[in-house]
């Protein structure tokens, strides 16, 4: 083999080895990042679950209150606002 071929193959092997090490390091980095993110998601899910529990216990307490004894009365009629013909955006008294 000519010496240029050996030199070219040596450089190619070195470049492939450097690329392999870089890709390996990148894989480890992203695996660590994924693990940290999944731990953060678990922590947030725990916080959301505790907030849901607090919410449902508050709703249960509110459901047991007798509104008539608190002075509230049952409405005689219920009416809803009808929707206009088209969508509108109001800003500072102007309608677009």
Protein backbone atom coordinates (compact mmCIF):
# COMPACT_ATOMS: atom_id res chain seq x y z
CA UNK A 1 0.00 0.00 0.00
CA UNK A 2 1.20 3.45 -0.70
CA UNK A 3 1.95 5.64 2.27
CA UNK A 4 -0.77 8.15 1.30
CA UNK A 5 -3.42 5.44 1.66
CA UNK A 6 -2.13 4.49 5.10
CA UNK A 7 -2.02 8.14 6.11
CA UNK A 8 -5.60 8.71 4.78
CA UNK A 9 -6.91 5.63 6.61
CA UNK A 10 -5.17 6.71 9.84
CA UNK A 11 -6.75 10.15 9.64
CA UNK A 12 -10.16 8.61 8.82
CA UNK A 13 -9.89 6.25 11.82
CA UNK A 14 -8.91 9.11 14.10
CA UNK A 15 -11.80 11.23 12.83
CA UNK A 16 -14.26 8.37 13.29
CA UNK A 17 -12.97 7.75 16.81
CA UNK A 18 -13.37 11.44 17.70
CA UNK A 19 -16.89 11.42 16.24
CA UNK A 20 -17.71 8.26 18.21
CA UNK A 21 -16.51 9.79 21.48
CA UNK A 22 -18.42 13.03 20.77
CA UNK A 23 -21.62 11.16 19.97
CA UNK A 24 -21.18 8.97 23.04
CA UNK A 25 -20.77 12.06 25.23
CA UNK A 26 -23.84 13.63 23.60
CA UNK A 27 -25.87 10.50 24.31
CA UNK A 28 -24.83 10.52 27.97
CA UNK A 29 -25.66 14.24 28.22
CA UNK A 30 -29.15 13.79 26.78
CA UNK A 31 -29.78 10.71 28.93
CA UNK A 32 -28.91 12.75 32.03
CA UNK A 33 -31.06 15.62 30.85
CA UNK A 34 -34.00 13.26 30.23
CA UNK A 35 -33.62 11.77 33.70
CA UNK A 36 -33.59 15.22 35.31
CA UNK A 37 -36.64 16.30 33.31
CA UNK A 38 -38.58 13.17 34.22
CA UNK A 39 -37.80 13.79 37.91
CA UNK A 40 -39.08 17.34 37.50
CA UNK A 41 -42.26 16.05 35.85
CA UNK A 42 -42.81 13.62 38.73
CA UNK A 43 -42.36 16.45 41.22
CA UNK A 44 -44.84 18.64 39.34
CA UNK A 45 -47.33 15.78 39.13
CA UNK A 46 -47.08 15.39 42.90
CA UNK A 47 -47.73 19.11 43.38
CA UNK A 48 -50.71 19.00 41.01
CA UNK A 49 -52.11 15.97 42.84
CA UNK A 50 -51.86 17.78 46.19
CA UNK A 51 -53.55 20.85 44.70
CA UNK A 52 -56.32 18.64 43.26
CA UNK A 53 -56.83 17.05 46.67
CA UNK A 54 -57.05 20.48 48.28
CA UNK A 55 -59.46 21.64 45.57
CA UNK A 56 -61.76 18.65 45.96
CA UNK A 57 -61.79 18.93 49.76
CA UNK A 58 -62.69 22.63 49.44
CA UNK A 59 -65.47 21.77 46.97
CA UNK A 60 -66.75 19.12 49.38
CA UNK A 61 -66.82 21.68 52.20
CA UNK A 62 -68.63 24.20 50.00
CA UNK A 63 -71.15 21.57 48.94
CA UNK A 64 -72.16 20.95 52.55
CA UNK A 65 -73.01 24.63 53.20
CA UNK A 66 -76.73 25.36 53.26
CA UNK A 67 -77.01 28.46 51.08
CA UNK A 68 -80.60 29.21 52.12
CA UNK A 69 -79.53 29.53 55.76
CA UNK A 70 -76.78 31.93 54.68
CA UNK A 71 -79.34 34.29 53.16
CA UNK A 72 -79.16 33.25 49.52
CA UNK A 73 -82.44 32.71 47.67
CA UNK A 74 -83.32 30.49 44.75
CA UNK A 75 -83.52 32.50 41.52
CA UNK A 76 -86.99 32.85 40.05
CA UNK A 77 -85.79 32.85 36.45
CA UNK A 78 -82.56 32.16 34.66
CA UNK A 79 -81.67 34.01 31.46
CA UNK A 80 -78.60 33.78 29.30
CA UNK A 81 -77.08 36.39 27.04
CA UNK A 82 -77.62 35.53 23.42
CA UNK A 83 -74.71 35.53 21.06
CA UNK A 84 -74.53 38.19 18.39
CA UNK A 85 -74.39 37.50 14.67
CA UNK A 86 -70.64 37.59 14.35
CA UNK A 87 -67.54 37.64 16.47
CA UNK A 88 -66.53 40.99 17.84
CA UNK A 89 -63.61 42.34 19.76
CA UNK A 90 -64.09 45.36 21.98
CA UNK A 91 -61.25 47.51 23.13
CA UNK A 92 -61.66 50.73 25.11
CA UNK A 93 -65.24 51.26 23.97
CA UNK A 94 -64.55 50.61 20.28
CA UNK A 95 -66.00 47.68 18.43
CA UNK A 96 -64.11 46.15 15.54
